[in-house]
């Protein structure tokens, strides 16, 4: 007797259970009928609506499924609010209360409930930029990218605030035609907030020879307390004080971890853009490097005042700044895609096989065998922001899991503590036949707890076309193979310089069909998978990523060539 027939005989005739059974047996029409009947019985039943959304998507009714999923998410968010003793009725009438609750929920990473509150907090007669930005971020963090774009677009039009407008740039990299849209919006930001000052370009008293000790300045909100630290700190330490003088411009040097004595720290948090530029000019900087780009805390407007002869973007923001005052942006060789340079105001400077070194955590644990040897099933994993799980990524990963019903997927990120985001994600995978119990969610961890969790993963899966960065190199550094898609533009190809220098060419594939096939091939033979795992960490440890001095010498040589170009151009 089938599961559906067995349930059909129950006196309770639970419509949801009948629908789930029909769904798993492939009878989508019956499943939809049962789910709809249950929804009519209970207008607040979000769980059944999740299943109905999955069944509608599986039946090809994508637009209808999206609407049902939105309804399920809203009902679930309301249930979370009620469980937290939030006065739901008050939210619609008391905007300050809605803003307060929404902000608190955002801080707790309960993004679905936060966005419900923050959307009701908007007073269109008296809009608040902080509320609008937080509302947009709460949508973005759920992967509701177009809604986030709409909010940030409105905020950029209402408020002439450069920091508010910058929030629009990041989600644009998730949309169709992203290169053109990011390029256009970055240039628009530059025209509005970072236009070159009138008059002739500044004259520099810097000695016009590249064969001397150059003065290199780096600008960032921090160099030791964020995601760029594993790359920037090794470079600062490896800089040759006989070849370059290093100046670090940051809001509060006292807040930084110890840095080499040959680095001169400059506090600029209290300075206006004009005063910061004057300080940099007074230090006679030859090469000025921004390590942050259009991200919260950036000081890109300082660069508009052209305080140095050569100005560069590096590390955190690989897209164009849209600013004509920026001379170069640095990319690894394998990111090159012919024609992509048209979307940059800067010249793309190729740095070789990697963009920067990477120093792994000192709290790495000793290597372990692939966990499938003891588990008896394969564990796939992704430690990426849930916003990166677009429809193509979900479809590809779900195809893998459907082919392997005993295997599972770990999705780890701080935002996955939200029960609504968990259930929405399960519903999206279920549309392709993945059972909810195949997906495990994990939240944020740090230090040895974070690195230990890589030991639970047999094969890490990289999303596309918005790929992982730090999480990918962390996985490789901890011995986990990562399967990546080559991608069609420079940004989707950022995983290539992470894998290729480590000798892991077999983990790069051309399209989603090849991705699914390779994932199944790699995990079909657990002994072979374990042999691959045994190569990953040594490949990383012996790669260019760990040659901090070698990379920095090449970087210094690049700086010298850039400066010589400036000399030749301005002769």
Protein backbone atom coordinates (compact mmCIF):
# COMPACT_ATOMS: atom_id res chain seq x y z
CA UNK A 1 0.00 0.00 0.00
CA UNK A 2 1.34 3.45 -0.88
CA UNK A 3 1.86 6.12 1.76
CA UNK A 4 -0.96 8.10 0.15
CA UNK A 5 -3.37 5.18 0.31
CA UNK A 6 -2.49 4.53 3.94
CA UNK A 7 -3.13 8.13 4.90
CA UNK A 8 -6.35 8.19 2.93
CA UNK A 9 -7.78 5.62 5.28
CA UNK A 10 -7.15 7.65 8.40
CA UNK A 11 -10.23 9.05 10.04
CA UNK A 12 -8.55 12.40 10.60
CA UNK A 13 -7.93 12.81 6.87
CA UNK A 14 -5.34 15.52 7.56
CA UNK A 15 -5.26 17.44 4.29
CA UNK A 16 -1.68 18.56 4.73
CA UNK A 17 -0.41 15.03 5.39
CA UNK A 18 -2.35 13.77 2.39
CA UNK A 19 -0.87 16.55 0.28
CA UNK A 20 2.69 15.83 1.41
CA UNK A 21 2.26 12.15 0.63
CA UNK A 22 0.84 12.92 -2.82
CA UNK A 23 3.65 15.40 -3.44
CA UNK A 24 6.34 12.83 -2.64
CA UNK A 25 4.63 10.30 -4.91
CA UNK A 26 4.68 12.79 -7.77
CA UNK A 27 0.92 13.41 -7.93
CA UNK A 28 1.12 17.19 -8.01
CA UNK A 29 -2.53 17.78 -8.88
CA UNK A 30 -3.69 15.79 -5.85
CA UNK A 31 -1.10 17.45 -3.64
CA UNK A 32 -2.21 20.92 -4.69
CA UNK A 33 -5.86 20.01 -4.12
CA UNK A 34 -5.17 18.76 -0.59
CA UNK A 35 -3.01 21.77 0.29
CA UNK A 36 -5.63 24.19 -1.02
CA UNK A 37 -8.33 22.47 1.00
CA UNK A 38 -6.24 22.77 4.14
CA UNK A 39 -5.53 26.46 3.47
CA UNK A 40 -9.26 27.10 3.22
CA UNK A 41 -9.69 25.42 6.59
CA UNK A 42 -7.07 27.60 8.28
CA UNK A 43 -6.15 31.00 6.89
CA UNK A 44 -3.11 31.23 9.20
CA UNK A 45 -1.55 27.87 8.30
CA UNK A 46 1.83 28.93 6.90
CA UNK A 47 3.27 25.40 6.91
CA UNK A 48 0.72 24.12 4.41
CA UNK A 49 1.30 27.19 2.25
CA UNK A 50 5.01 26.39 2.10
CA UNK A 51 4.11 22.97 0.75
CA UNK A 52 1.58 24.47 -1.65
CA UNK A 53 4.25 26.85 -2.97
CA UNK A 54 6.61 23.93 -3.55
CA UNK A 55 3.92 21.92 -5.34
CA UNK A 56 2.92 24.87 -7.53
CA UNK A 57 6.56 25.50 -8.47
CA UNK A 58 7.06 21.81 -9.27
CA UNK A 59 3.96 21.95 -11.47
CA UNK A 60 5.43 24.83 -13.45
CA UNK A 61 3.27 27.59 -12.00
CA UNK A 62 6.21 29.75 -11.02
CA UNK A 63 4.44 33.08 -10.67
CA UNK A 64 1.65 31.55 -8.59
CA UNK A 65 4.21 29.70 -6.46
CA UNK A 66 6.08 32.93 -5.74
CA UNK A 67 2.89 34.58 -4.51
CA UNK A 68 2.04 31.66 -2.27
CA UNK A 69 5.58 31.58 -0.87
CA UNK A 70 5.32 35.29 -0.03
CA UNK A 71 2.05 34.62 1.78
CA UNK A 72 3.58 31.72 3.74
CA UNK A 73 6.58 33.84 4.69
CA UNK A 74 4.37 36.68 5.92
CA UNK A 75 2.17 34.38 8.01
CA UNK A 76 5.24 32.68 9.46
CA UNK A 77 6.85 36.04 10.27
CA UNK A 78 3.65 37.06 12.07
CA UNK A 79 3.71 33.82 14.06
CA UNK A 80 7.30 34.58 15.12
CA UNK A 81 6.27 38.07 16.20
CA UNK A 82 3.40 36.71 18.25
CA UNK A 83 5.69 34.15 19.88
CA UNK A 84 7.96 37.04 20.89
CA UNK A 85 4.98 38.88 22.45
CA UNK A 86 5.08 41.68 19.89
CA UNK A 87 1.87 43.69 19.71
CA UNK A 88 1.10 42.94 16.05
CA UNK A 89 -1.95 45.19 15.91
CA UNK A 90 0.09 48.13 17.14
CA UNK A 91 2.60 47.72 14.30
CA UNK A 92 0.20 49.12 11.73
CA UNK A 93 -0.77 52.18 13.77
CA UNK A 94 2.44 53.08 15.60
CA UNK A 95 5.33 53.60 13.17
CA UNK A 96 7.96 54.39 15.84
CA UNK A 97 7.01 51.16 17.60
CA UNK A 98 7.29 49.24 14.32
CA UNK A 99 10.71 50.79 13.67
CA UNK A 100 11.92 49.93 17.16
CA UNK A 101 10.76 46.33 16.97
CA UNK A 102 12.06 45.91 13.43
CA UNK A 103 15.49 47.23 14.38
CA UNK A 104 15.65 44.89 17.37
CA UNK A 105 14.67 41.90 15.23
CA UNK A 106 17.25 42.88 12.62
CA UNK A 107 19.93 42.84 15.30
CA UNK A 108 18.74 39.33 16.25
CA UNK A 109 19.02 38.25 12.57
CA UNK A 110 15.28 37.52 12.33
CA UNK A 111 15.11 39.13 8.93
CA UNK A 112 11.65 38.06 7.77
CA UNK A 113 9.96 39.43 10.87
CA UNK A 114 12.23 42.48 10.81
CA UNK A 115 11.24 43.34 7.24
CA UNK A 116 7.55 42.92 8.12
CA UNK A 117 7.93 45.51 10.89
CA UNK A 118 10.25 47.89 9.06
CA UNK A 119 7.98 48.01 6.03
CA UNK A 120 5.20 49.23 8.31
CA UNK A 121 7.52 51.71 9.99
CA UNK A 122 7.96 53.79 6.83
CA UNK A 123 6.33 57.19 7.13
CA UNK A 124 6.18 58.45 3.56
CA UNK A 125 5.60 62.00 4.79
CA UNK A 126 8.71 61.86 6.96
CA UNK A 127 11.04 59.14 5.72
CA UNK A 128 14.07 58.21 7.80
CA UNK A 129 17.24 57.10 5.97
CA UNK A 130 18.34 54.65 8.68
CA UNK A 131 14.96 52.91 8.68
CA UNK A 132 14.93 52.67 4.89
CA UNK A 133 18.48 51.28 4.74
CA UNK A 134 17.77 48.71 7.46
CA UNK A 135 14.55 47.73 5.70
CA UNK A 136 16.41 47.24 2.42
CA UNK A 137 19.12 45.19 4.11
CA UNK A 138 16.53 42.99 5.84
CA UNK A 139 15.11 42.16 2.39
CA UNK A 140 18.53 41.69 0.81
CA UNK A 141 19.64 39.27 3.52
CA UNK A 142 16.63 37.06 2.73
CA UNK A 143 17.55 36.97 -0.95
CA UNK A 144 14.62 39.25 -1.87
CA UNK A 145 16.95 41.13 -4.15
CA UNK A 146 14.55 43.04 -6.41
CA UNK A 147 12.61 44.29 -3.39
CA UNK A 148 15.88 45.44 -1.82
CA UNK A 149 16.89 47.19 -5.05
CA UNK A 150 13.55 48.98 -5.12
CA UNK A 151 13.96 50.19 -1.52
CA UNK A 152 17.55 51.34 -2.00
CA UNK A 153 16.64 53.05 -5.29
CA UNK A 154 13.89 54.97 -3.54
CA UNK A 155 16.24 55.86 -0.67
CA UNK A 156 18.89 57.13 -3.09
CA UNK A 157 16.31 59.35 -4.77
CA UNK A 158 14.83 60.72 -1.54
CA UNK A 159 18.08 61.34 0.31
CA UNK A 160 21.15 62.98 -1.19
CA UNK A 161 23.43 61.02 1.10
CA UNK A 162 26.39 59.20 -0.51
CA UNK A 163 26.48 56.47 2.14
CA UNK A 164 22.80 55.70 1.59
CA UNK A 165 23.20 55.57 -2.18
CA UNK A 166 26.13 53.13 -1.88
CA UNK A 167 23.82 50.48 -0.44
CA UNK A 168 22.17 50.22 -3.86
CA UNK A 169 25.35 49.05 -5.57
CA UNK A 170 25.77 45.69 -3.83
CA UNK A 171 22.36 44.11 -4.61
CA UNK A 172 22.66 45.25 -8.23
CA UNK A 173 25.35 42.61 -8.63
CA UNK A 174 22.65 39.96 -8.09
CA UNK A 175 20.37 41.09 -10.92
CA UNK A 176 20.30 40.48 -14.65
CA UNK A 177 22.59 42.67 -16.75
CA UNK A 178 24.54 43.33 -13.59
CA UNK A 179 27.77 44.58 -15.16
CA UNK A 180 26.00 47.38 -17.01
CA UNK A 181 23.78 48.30 -14.09
CA UNK A 182 26.58 48.40 -11.49
CA UNK A 183 28.77 50.37 -13.88
CA UNK A 184 26.04 52.91 -14.61
CA UNK A 185 25.01 53.32 -10.98
CA UNK A 186 28.61 53.61 -9.77
CA UNK A 187 29.25 56.35 -12.32
CA UNK A 188 26.04 58.07 -11.27
CA UNK A 189 27.20 57.95 -7.64
CA UNK A 190 30.48 59.53 -8.70
CA UNK A 191 28.74 62.29 -10.63
CA UNK A 192 26.45 63.10 -7.70
CA UNK A 193 28.88 62.88 -4.80
CA UNK A 194 32.45 62.63 -6.03
CA UNK A 195 32.85 64.94 -8.97
CA UNK A 196 36.38 66.19 -9.55
CA UNK A 197 36.93 69.63 -8.04
CA UNK A 198 37.00 72.50 -10.56
CA UNK A 199 40.27 73.84 -11.81
CA UNK A 200 43.46 72.22 -13.07
CA UNK A 201 44.53 68.84 -11.70
CA UNK A 202 46.73 69.03 -8.62
CA UNK A 203 50.46 69.31 -9.04
CA UNK A 204 52.62 66.88 -7.09
CA UNK A 205 56.06 67.51 -5.64
CA UNK A 206 56.82 63.80 -5.45
CA UNK A 207 60.30 63.01 -6.85
CA UNK A 208 59.79 61.87 -10.43
CA UNK A 209 61.66 58.60 -10.29
CA UNK A 210 60.33 55.12 -9.61
CA UNK A 211 63.79 53.88 -8.60
CA UNK A 212 63.60 55.09 -5.03
CA UNK A 213 61.77 54.26 -1.82
CA UNK A 214 58.12 54.76 -2.77
CA UNK A 215 55.51 55.93 -0.30
CA UNK A 216 52.48 53.63 -0.28
CA UNK A 217 49.25 54.59 1.48
CA UNK A 218 46.35 52.27 2.27
CA UNK A 219 42.87 53.53 3.19
CA UNK A 220 40.25 51.41 4.95
CA UNK A 221 37.79 51.34 7.88
CA UNK A 222 40.01 48.70 9.48
CA UNK A 223 42.96 46.56 8.45
CA UNK A 224 42.92 43.95 11.24
CA UNK A 225 39.28 43.52 12.30
CA UNK A 226 37.39 42.52 9.16
CA UNK A 227 37.39 40.11 6.24
CA UNK A 228 40.36 41.73 4.47
CA UNK A 229 42.73 41.22 7.40
CA UNK A 230 43.96 37.72 6.36
CA UNK A 231 45.20 39.34 3.14
CA UNK A 232 46.21 42.87 4.12
CA UNK A 233 48.11 42.07 7.32
CA UNK A 234 50.51 39.64 5.57
CA UNK A 235 51.23 42.27 2.91
CA UNK A 236 51.88 44.99 5.48
CA UNK A 237 54.21 42.69 7.40
CA UNK A 238 56.03 41.60 4.25
CA UNK A 239 56.56 45.07 2.77
CA UNK A 240 60.27 45.76 2.45
CA UNK A 241 61.03 48.91 4.49
CA UNK A 242 64.10 49.43 2.33
CA UNK A 243 61.90 49.58 -0.78
CA UNK A 244 58.71 51.30 0.39
CA UNK A 245 57.35 53.42 3.21
CA UNK A 246 53.89 52.30 4.32
CA UNK A 247 51.16 54.60 5.66
CA UNK A 248 47.84 53.23 6.92
CA UNK A 249 44.87 55.63 7.04
CA UNK A 250 42.03 54.35 9.21
CA UNK A 251 39.40 55.86 11.52
CA UNK A 252 41.05 54.84 14.80
CA UNK A 253 44.52 53.25 14.84
CA UNK A 254 44.12 52.52 18.56
CA UNK A 255 41.36 50.03 17.71
CA UNK A 256 43.62 48.00 15.42
CA UNK A 257 45.55 44.88 16.35
CA UNK A 258 49.34 45.32 16.42
CA UNK A 259 50.89 46.07 13.04
CA UNK A 260 54.57 46.26 12.03
CA UNK A 261 56.65 49.18 13.27
CA UNK A 262 57.53 50.09 9.69
CA UNK A 263 53.86 51.01 9.09
CA UNK A 264 52.94 54.60 9.98
CA UNK A 265 49.38 54.79 11.31
CA UNK A 266 47.25 57.85 10.59
CA UNK A 267 43.91 58.56 12.29
CA UNK A 268 41.33 59.97 9.85
CA UNK A 269 38.01 59.10 11.46
CA UNK A 270 37.59 62.65 12.77
CA UNK A 271 38.71 64.32 9.54
CA UNK A 272 36.60 65.65 6.70
CA UNK A 273 37.33 64.31 3.23
CA UNK A 274 39.21 67.51 2.45
CA UNK A 275 41.33 67.33 5.59
CA UNK A 276 42.05 63.63 5.10
CA UNK A 277 43.16 64.32 1.52
CA UNK A 278 45.39 67.16 2.76
CA UNK A 279 46.97 64.84 5.34
CA UNK A 280 47.69 62.25 2.65
CA UNK A 281 49.10 64.89 0.33
CA UNK A 282 51.31 66.16 3.14
CA UNK A 283 52.68 62.63 3.57
CA UNK A 284 53.75 62.79 -0.11
CA UNK A 285 52.11 59.45 -0.90
CA UNK A 286 53.05 58.07 -4.32
CA UNK A 287 50.53 55.20 -4.50
CA UNK A 288 47.20 55.37 -2.64
CA UNK A 289 45.24 52.12 -2.30
CA UNK A 290 41.59 51.78 -1.29
CA UNK A 291 40.84 48.38 0.24
CA UNK A 292 37.09 48.83 0.79
CA UNK A 293 35.24 50.20 -2.25
CA UNK A 294 31.54 51.06 -2.17
CA UNK A 295 30.94 49.42 1.20
CA UNK A 296 29.77 50.94 4.46
CA UNK A 297 32.64 52.85 6.02
CA UNK A 298 34.46 53.68 2.78
CA UNK A 299 36.29 56.98 2.18
CA UNK A 300 36.16 56.97 -1.60
CA UNK A 301 35.37 60.68 -1.70
CA UNK A 302 38.89 61.33 -0.38
CA UNK A 303 40.24 59.85 -3.60
CA UNK A 304 38.19 62.29 -5.67
CA UNK A 305 40.40 65.08 -4.31
CA UNK A 306 43.37 63.28 -5.92
CA UNK A 307 45.78 63.34 -2.95
CA UNK A 308 48.22 60.96 -4.66
CA UNK A 309 49.58 60.60 -8.21
CA UNK A 310 48.43 56.97 -8.55
CA UNK A 311 45.19 55.65 -6.99
CA UNK A 312 44.09 52.00 -6.90
CA UNK A 313 41.21 49.79 -5.79
CA UNK A 314 42.15 46.42 -4.26
CA UNK A 315 40.76 43.45 -2.30
CA UNK A 316 37.27 44.01 -0.95
CA UNK A 317 35.56 45.59 -3.96
CA UNK A 318 36.48 44.10 -7.32
CA UNK A 319 33.82 46.00 -9.26
CA UNK A 320 34.31 49.44 -10.71
CA UNK A 321 34.14 52.38 -8.34
CA UNK A 322 32.75 54.44 -11.21
CA UNK A 323 35.25 57.18 -10.34
CA UNK A 324 37.53 58.66 -12.98
CA UNK A 325 40.03 59.54 -10.24
CA UNK A 326 40.80 55.84 -9.72
CA UNK A 327 43.56 54.69 -12.03
CA UNK A 328 43.57 50.93 -11.53
CA UNK A 329 41.62 48.04 -10.04
CA UNK A 330 43.57 44.85 -9.39
CA UNK A 331 42.33 41.45 -10.60
CA UNK A 332 43.89 38.01 -10.87
CA UNK A 333 44.70 36.78 -14.39
CA UNK A 334 42.10 33.99 -14.41
CA UNK A 335 39.25 36.49 -13.82
CA UNK A 336 39.74 38.01 -17.27
CA UNK A 337 36.75 37.99 -19.62
CA UNK A 338 37.17 39.88 -22.91
CA UNK A 339 34.93 42.93 -23.03
CA UNK A 340 34.44 43.28 -19.26
CA UNK A 341 36.92 46.15 -19.15
CA UNK A 342 34.27 48.35 -20.80
CA UNK A 343 32.35 48.39 -17.53
CA UNK A 344 35.23 49.96 -15.58
CA UNK A 345 36.35 53.54 -15.25
CA UNK A 346 39.67 52.13 -14.04
CA UNK A 347 42.23 50.12 -15.96
CA UNK A 348 42.26 46.50 -14.82
CA UNK A 349 45.74 45.62 -13.58
CA UNK A 350 46.52 41.90 -13.64
CA UNK A 351 48.25 40.64 -10.50
CA UNK A 352 49.13 37.11 -11.63
CA UNK A 353 47.53 33.93 -10.36
CA UNK A 354 46.19 35.46 -7.12
CA UNK A 355 44.88 38.86 -6.04
CA UNK A 356 46.39 38.71 -2.56
CA UNK A 357 47.93 36.22 -0.14
CA UNK A 358 45.72 34.62 2.47
CA UNK A 359 46.79 33.70 5.97
CA UNK A 360 44.57 30.94 7.39
CA UNK A 361 43.32 30.96 10.94
CA UNK A 362 45.85 29.97 13.57
CA UNK A 363 43.03 27.87 15.01
CA UNK A 364 42.88 25.38 12.15
CA UNK A 365 42.48 21.82 13.33
CA UNK A 366 44.57 18.91 12.01
CA UNK A 367 43.26 17.42 8.75
CA UNK A 368 40.62 14.69 8.99
CA UNK A 369 39.36 12.05 6.55
CA UNK A 370 36.28 12.87 4.52
CA UNK A 371 33.31 12.40 6.91
CA UNK A 372 31.38 10.15 4.52
CA UNK A 373 33.76 7.33 5.47
CA UNK A 374 32.23 7.16 8.94
CA UNK A 375 28.78 8.64 8.22
CA UNK A 376 27.80 6.37 5.37
CA UNK A 377 26.37 9.33 3.43
CA UNK A 378 27.79 12.44 1.78
CA UNK A 379 27.48 15.87 3.36
CA UNK A 380 27.55 18.81 0.99
CA UNK A 381 27.99 22.26 2.47
CA UNK A 382 27.87 25.99 1.87
CA UNK A 383 28.85 28.67 4.38
CA UNK A 384 27.66 31.51 2.12
CA UNK A 385 25.25 34.37 2.61
CA UNK A 386 21.72 33.11 1.82
CA UNK A 387 21.25 36.00 -0.61
CA UNK A 388 23.64 34.16 -2.94
CA UNK A 389 21.28 31.18 -3.26
CA UNK A 390 19.57 32.36 -6.42
CA UNK A 391 17.15 30.20 -8.39
CA UNK A 392 19.84 28.67 -10.63
CA UNK A 393 21.96 27.72 -7.61
CA UNK A 394 19.01 26.17 -5.78
CA UNK A 395 18.01 24.22 -8.89
CA UNK A 396 21.53 22.88 -9.38
CA UNK A 397 22.10 21.90 -5.77
CA UNK A 398 18.61 20.40 -5.51
CA UNK A 399 19.26 18.22 -8.55
CA UNK A 400 22.28 16.79 -6.74
CA UNK A 401 20.34 16.12 -3.54
CA UNK A 402 17.37 14.60 -5.36
CA UNK A 403 19.71 12.14 -7.04
CA UNK A 404 21.11 11.26 -3.60
CA UNK A 405 18.17 11.14 -1.14
CA UNK A 406 20.41 9.77 1.63
CA UNK A 407 22.85 12.66 1.35
CA UNK A 408 22.40 16.03 3.00
CA UNK A 409 23.34 19.69 2.69
CA UNK A 410 24.58 21.93 5.50
CA UNK A 411 23.79 25.62 5.02
CA UNK A 412 25.73 27.67 7.53
CA UNK A 413 25.47 31.43 8.02
CA UNK A 414 24.42 33.69 10.87
CA UNK A 415 21.20 34.64 9.06
CA UNK A 416 20.08 31.03 8.97
CA UNK A 417 19.06 31.28 12.62
CA UNK A 418 15.81 32.78 11.30
CA UNK A 419 13.19 30.00 11.27
CA UNK A 420 11.32 31.75 8.46
CA UNK A 421 14.38 31.89 6.22
CA UNK A 422 15.02 28.22 7.00
CA UNK A 423 11.53 27.20 5.98
CA UNK A 424 11.50 29.37 2.85
CA UNK A 425 14.78 27.78 1.80
CA UNK A 426 13.44 24.27 2.38
CA UNK A 427 10.36 25.09 0.31
CA UNK A 428 12.48 26.31 -2.58
CA UNK A 429 14.48 23.07 -2.57
CA UNK A 430 11.35 20.97 -2.12
CA UNK A 431 10.05 22.25 -5.45
CA UNK A 432 12.79 20.12 -7.02
CA UNK A 433 12.09 17.04 -4.92
CA UNK A 434 14.44 17.60 -1.96
CA UNK A 435 12.98 16.58 1.40
CA UNK A 436 13.25 19.20 4.15
CA UNK A 437 15.18 16.87 6.41
CA UNK A 438 18.01 16.70 3.86
CA UNK A 439 18.95 20.31 4.71
CA UNK A 440 20.58 21.25 8.00
CA UNK A 441 20.92 24.89 9.04
CA UNK A 442 23.70 26.26 11.23
CA UNK A 443 24.35 29.73 12.58
CA UNK A 444 27.40 31.87 13.18
CA UNK A 445 30.49 30.54 14.93
CA UNK A 446 34.02 31.87 15.35
CA UNK A 447 37.53 30.67 16.12
CA UNK A 448 38.09 26.94 16.57
CA UNK A 449 34.35 26.25 16.51
CA UNK A 450 34.16 27.74 13.02
CA UNK A 451 37.14 25.88 11.60
CA UNK A 452 35.99 22.63 13.22
CA UNK A 453 32.76 22.70 11.21
CA UNK A 454 34.66 22.22 7.96
CA UNK A 455 35.38 18.69 9.18
CA UNK A 456 31.67 17.92 8.73
CA UNK A 457 31.72 18.69 4.99
CA UNK A 458 32.66 16.21 2.27
CA UNK A 459 32.23 18.58 -0.66
CA UNK A 460 31.54 22.32 -0.46
CA UNK A 461 29.25 23.78 -3.11
CA UNK A 462 29.87 27.28 -4.42
CA UNK A 463 26.91 29.43 -5.59
CA UNK A 464 26.90 31.24 -8.92
CA UNK A 465 26.88 33.81 -10.44
CA UNK A 466 27.51 35.49 -7.06
CA UNK A 467 30.18 33.16 -5.68
CA UNK A 468 31.79 32.76 -2.31
CA UNK A 469 35.03 34.49 -1.43
CA UNK A 470 36.37 34.21 2.09
CA UNK A 471 34.23 31.14 2.78
CA UNK A 472 35.69 29.40 -0.27
CA UNK A 473 39.32 30.03 0.65
CA UNK A 474 38.56 29.09 4.27
CA UNK A 475 37.14 25.77 3.08
CA UNK A 476 40.22 25.04 0.97
CA UNK A 477 42.57 26.11 3.76
CA UNK A 478 40.78 23.63 6.03
CA UNK A 479 41.06 20.79 3.54
CA UNK A 480 37.55 20.78 2.02
CA UNK A 481 37.23 20.51 -1.78
CA UNK A 482 34.98 23.21 -3.25
CA UNK A 483 33.10 22.72 -6.52
CA UNK A 484 32.79 25.96 -8.50
CA UNK A 485 31.25 27.20 -11.74
CA UNK A 486 33.54 29.08 -14.10
CA UNK A 487 31.03 31.82 -14.79
CA UNK A 488 30.58 34.25 -17.64
CA UNK A 489 31.96 37.49 -16.21
CA UNK A 490 34.90 38.61 -14.09
CA UNK A 491 32.99 38.50 -10.81
CA UNK A 492 31.56 35.01 -11.26
CA UNK A 493 35.12 33.90 -12.05
CA UNK A 494 36.55 35.00 -8.71
CA UNK A 495 36.63 31.35 -7.51
CA UNK A 496 39.14 30.49 -10.25
CA UNK A 497 42.11 32.24 -8.63
CA UNK A 498 41.12 30.53 -5.37
CA UNK A 499 41.30 26.98 -6.76
CA UNK A 500 43.67 26.96 -9.71
CA UNK A 501 46.81 27.98 -7.76
CA UNK A 502 46.11 25.06 -5.41
CA UNK A 503 46.16 22.51 -8.23
CA UNK A 504 42.41 21.85 -8.08
CA UNK A 505 41.48 22.30 -11.73
CA UNK A 506 39.07 19.36 -11.64
CA UNK A 507 36.81 21.34 -9.29
CA UNK A 508 36.09 24.03 -11.92
CA UNK A 509 33.27 23.30 -14.39
CA UNK A 510 31.74 25.20 -17.31
CA UNK A 511 27.96 25.06 -16.70
CA UNK A 512 25.30 23.78 -14.31
CA UNK A 513 24.85 20.44 -16.07
CA UNK A 514 28.56 19.79 -15.71
CA UNK A 515 28.39 21.02 -12.11
CA UNK A 516 25.72 18.47 -11.16
CA UNK A 517 27.50 15.69 -13.02
CA UNK A 518 30.84 16.49 -11.38
CA UNK A 519 29.32 16.66 -7.89
CA UNK A 520 27.77 13.23 -8.33
CA UNK A 521 30.95 11.85 -9.87
CA UNK A 522 33.22 13.17 -7.11
CA UNK A 523 31.00 11.79 -4.34
CA UNK A 524 30.18 8.41 -5.93
CA UNK A 525 33.48 6.90 -4.75
CA UNK A 526 34.11 7.89 -1.15
CA UNK A 527 37.66 6.56 -1.19
CA UNK A 528 38.45 8.70 -4.22
CA UNK A 529 36.79 11.67 -2.52
CA UNK A 530 39.02 11.10 0.50
CA UNK A 531 42.08 11.02 -1.76
CA UNK A 532 41.00 14.34 -3.27
CA UNK A 533 40.53 15.79 0.21
CA UNK A 534 44.05 14.73 1.13
CA UNK A 535 45.37 16.97 -1.68
CA UNK A 536 43.36 20.10 -0.86
CA UNK A 537 45.03 21.47 2.25
CA UNK A 538 48.60 20.70 1.12
CA UNK A 539 47.73 22.28 -2.22
CA UNK A 540 46.71 25.46 -0.44
CA UNK A 541 49.64 25.44 1.99
CA UNK A 542 52.12 25.09 -0.88
CA UNK A 543 50.42 27.61 -3.16
CA UNK A 544 51.06 31.28 -3.90
CA UNK A 545 48.55 32.10 -1.15
CA UNK A 546 51.11 31.18 1.46
CA UNK A 547 54.03 32.95 -0.21
CA UNK A 548 53.38 36.27 1.48
CA UNK A 549 56.82 37.72 0.79
CA UNK A 550 56.83 36.62 -2.84
CA UNK A 551 53.44 38.18 -3.53
CA UNK A 552 54.40 41.41 -1.79
CA UNK A 553 57.61 41.73 -3.80
CA UNK A 554 55.59 41.37 -7.00
CA UNK A 555 53.08 43.90 -5.68
CA UNK A 556 55.86 46.38 -4.93
CA UNK A 557 57.17 45.87 -8.46
CA UNK A 558 53.65 46.52 -9.81
CA UNK A 559 53.46 49.72 -7.77
CA UNK A 560 56.79 50.81 -9.22
CA UNK A 561 55.57 50.17 -12.78
CA UNK A 562 52.36 52.09 -12.10
CA UNK A 563 54.35 55.03 -10.79
CA UNK A 564 56.66 54.97 -13.79
CA UNK A 565 53.59 55.07 -16.03
CA UNK A 566 52.44 58.19 -14.22
CA UNK A 567 55.85 59.79 -14.71
CA UNK A 568 55.80 58.98 -18.41
CA UNK A 569 52.22 60.18 -18.85
CA UNK A 570 52.79 63.50 -17.11
CA UNK A 571 56.23 64.26 -18.54
